[in-house]
Amino acid sequence: MDLDLETKAQILKTLGHPVRLKIVALLAGKSAYVFDLMESLDIRQALLSQHLKVMKDHGLLKARREGVRVCYSLKEETLAEIVRLMQVDV
């Protein structure tokens, strides 16, 4: 991930919420549906959707629609490495 400092700072700012750090940890090396993330994080769907939208809008997540369900994954696995180094538990 060869990015300028401004972009790197924006990524860190976007990750600057405990729920978003947990989302990255949950998506490390895999993809997950909104329902699965909601259960793992134990938060309401509306709140989770807000966090997912922010992360997607800032280019951290990919979303794939499968019928009525949406499956999310990390755009870059290096995000998972950052979160792993921070020892974020889920």
C-alpha atoms as a PDB file:
ATOM      1  CA  MET A   1       0.000   0.000   0.000  1.00  0.00           C
ATOM      2  CA  ASP A   2       2.113   2.908  -1.322  1.00  0.00           C
ATOM      3  CA  LEU A   3       0.115   5.976  -0.245  1.00  0.00           C
ATOM      4  CA  ASP A   4       0.909   9.593   0.507  1.00  0.00           C
ATOM      5  CA  LEU A   5       0.912  10.820   4.105  1.00  0.00           C
ATOM      6  CA  GLU A   6      -2.454  12.570   3.755  1.00  0.00           C
ATOM      7  CA  THR A   7      -4.116   9.325   2.652  1.00  0.00           C
ATOM      8  CA  LYS A   8      -2.427   7.349   5.431  1.00  0.00           C
ATOM      9  CA  ALA A   9      -3.613   9.888   7.988  1.00  0.00           C
ATOM     10  CA  GLN A  10      -7.181   9.611   6.636  1.00  0.00           C
ATOM     11  CA  ILE A  11      -7.053   5.822   6.952  1.00  0.00           C
ATOM     12  CA  LEU A  12      -5.932   6.082  10.568  1.00  0.00           C
ATOM     13  CA  LYS A  13      -8.623   8.667  11.277  1.00  0.00           C
ATOM     14  CA  THR A  14     -11.253   6.363   9.770  1.00  0.00           C
ATOM     15  CA  LEU A  15     -10.008   3.478  11.915  1.00  0.00           C
ATOM     16  CA  GLY A  16     -10.128   5.697  15.007  1.00  0.00           C
ATOM     17  CA  HIS A  17     -13.214   4.099  16.526  1.00  0.00           C
ATOM     18  CA  PRO A  18     -13.318   0.853  18.548  1.00  0.00           C
ATOM     19  CA  VAL A  19     -16.137  -0.635  16.452  1.00  0.00           C
ATOM     20  CA  ARG A  20     -14.234   0.012  13.208  1.00  0.00           C
ATOM     21  CA  LEU A  21     -11.089  -1.586  14.606  1.00  0.00           C
ATOM     22  CA  LYS A  22     -13.138  -4.661  15.524  1.00  0.00           C
ATOM     23  CA  ILE A  23     -14.704  -4.743  12.049  1.00  0.00           C
ATOM     24  CA  VAL A  24     -11.232  -4.863  10.491  1.00  0.00           C
ATOM     25  CA  ALA A  25     -10.189  -7.609  12.915  1.00  0.00           C
ATOM     26  CA  LEU A  26     -13.315  -9.631  12.049  1.00  0.00           C
ATOM     27  CA  LEU A  27     -12.732  -9.239   8.313  1.00  0.00           C
ATOM     28  CA  ALA A  28      -9.038 -10.187   8.428  1.00  0.00           C
ATOM     29  CA  GLY A  29      -8.530 -12.746   5.687  1.00  0.00           C
ATOM     30  CA  LYS A  30     -12.229 -13.298   5.044  1.00  0.00           C
ATOM     31  CA  SER A  31     -15.532 -11.693   4.183  1.00  0.00           C
ATOM     32  CA  ALA A  32     -18.713 -11.512   6.242  1.00  0.00           C
ATOM     33  CA  TYR A  33     -22.348 -10.597   5.903  1.00  0.00           C
ATOM     34  CA  VAL A  34     -23.821  -7.661   7.812  1.00  0.00           C
ATOM     35  CA  PHE A  35     -25.859 -10.024  10.006  1.00  0.00           C
ATOM     36  CA  ASP A  36     -22.740 -11.980  11.012  1.00  0.00           C
ATOM     37  CA  LEU A  37     -20.851  -8.782  11.852  1.00  0.00           C
ATOM     38  CA  MET A  38     -23.834  -7.508  13.823  1.00  0.00           C
ATOM     39  CA  GLU A  39     -23.941 -10.673  15.924  1.00  0.00           C
ATOM     40  CA  SER A  40     -20.183 -10.697  16.515  1.00  0.00           C
ATOM     41  CA  LEU A  41     -20.121  -7.046  17.546  1.00  0.00           C
ATOM     42  CA  ASP A  42     -23.420  -7.152  19.455  1.00  0.00           C
ATOM     43  CA  ILE A  43     -24.612  -3.809  18.052  1.00  0.00           C
ATOM     44  CA  ARG A  44     -27.750  -2.678  16.240  1.00  0.00           C
ATOM     45  CA  GLN A  45     -27.849  -2.970  12.460  1.00  0.00           C
ATOM     46  CA  ALA A  46     -28.336   0.789  11.996  1.00  0.00           C
ATOM     47  CA  LEU A  47     -25.173   1.590  13.962  1.00  0.00           C
ATOM     48  CA  LEU A  48     -23.173  -1.098  12.157  1.00  0.00           C
ATOM     49  CA  SER A  49     -24.401   0.167   8.787  1.00  0.00           C
ATOM     50  CA  GLN A  50     -23.181   3.669   9.634  1.00  0.00           C
ATOM     51  CA  HIS A  51     -19.703   2.379  10.461  1.00  0.00           C
ATOM     52  CA  LEU A  52     -19.587   0.196   7.343  1.00  0.00           C
ATOM     53  CA  LYS A  53     -20.645   3.142   5.167  1.00  0.00           C
ATOM     54  CA  VAL A  54     -17.908   5.383   6.573  1.00  0.00           C
ATOM     55  CA  MET A  55     -15.304   2.674   6.013  1.00  0.00           C
ATOM     56  CA  LYS A  56     -16.560   1.924   2.496  1.00  0.00           C
ATOM     57  CA  ASP A  57     -16.725   5.625   1.561  1.00  0.00           C
ATOM     58  CA  HIS A  58     -13.102   6.029   2.664  1.00  0.00           C
ATOM     59  CA  GLY A  59     -12.011   3.064   0.550  1.00  0.00           C
ATOM     60  CA  LEU A  60     -11.284   0.562   3.298  1.00  0.00           C
ATOM     61  CA  LEU A  61     -13.993  -1.977   2.476  1.00  0.00           C
ATOM     62  CA  LYS A  62     -15.462  -3.738  -0.535  1.00  0.00           C
ATOM     63  CA  ALA A  63     -19.137  -4.644  -0.581  1.00  0.00           C
ATOM     64  CA  ARG A  64     -20.820  -7.293  -2.684  1.00  0.00           C
ATOM     65  CA  ARG A  65     -24.582  -7.664  -2.815  1.00  0.00           C
ATOM     66  CA  GLU A  66     -25.986 -11.183  -2.856  1.00  0.00           C
ATOM     67  CA  GLY A  67     -29.747 -10.847  -3.177  1.00  0.00           C
ATOM     68  CA  VAL A  68     -30.883  -8.890  -0.145  1.00  0.00           C
ATOM     69  CA  ARG A  69     -27.676  -9.567   1.801  1.00  0.00           C
ATOM     70  CA  VAL A  70     -24.452  -7.565   1.594  1.00  0.00           C
ATOM     71  CA  CYS A  71     -21.075  -9.181   2.109  1.00  0.00           C
ATOM     72  CA  TYR A  72     -18.097  -7.040   3.182  1.00  0.00           C
ATOM     73  CA  SER A  73     -14.371  -7.612   2.944  1.00  0.00           C
ATOM     74  CA  LEU A  74     -11.210  -5.540   3.356  1.00  0.00           C
ATOM     75  CA  LYS A  75      -9.862  -3.805   0.268  1.00  0.00           C
ATOM     76  CA  GLU A  76      -6.327  -4.208   1.600  1.00  0.00           C
ATOM     77  CA  GLU A  77      -5.226  -6.962   3.979  1.00  0.00           C
ATOM     78  CA  THR A  78      -2.522  -4.601   5.275  1.00  0.00           C
ATOM     79  CA  LEU A  79      -5.317  -3.000   7.328  1.00  0.00           C
ATOM     80  CA  ALA A  80      -5.639  -6.294   9.184  1.00  0.00           C
ATOM     81  CA  GLU A  81      -1.900  -6.223   9.904  1.00  0.00           C
ATOM     82  CA  ILE A  82      -2.212  -2.745  11.425  1.00  0.00           C
ATOM     83  CA  VAL A  83      -5.058  -3.901  13.668  1.00  0.00           C
ATOM     84  CA  ARG A  84      -3.225  -7.120  14.526  1.00  0.00           C
ATOM     85  CA  LEU A  85      -0.197  -5.096  15.661  1.00  0.00           C
ATOM     86  CA  MET A  86      -2.521  -3.098  17.916  1.00  0.00           C
ATOM     87  CA  GLN A  87      -3.657  -6.428  19.439  1.00  0.00           C
ATOM     88  CA  VAL A  88      -7.356  -5.783  18.871  1.00  0.00           C
ATOM     89  CA  ASP A  89      -9.391  -8.674  20.224  1.00  0.00           C
ATOM     90  CA  VAL A  90     -12.850  -9.611  18.956  1.00  0.00           C
END
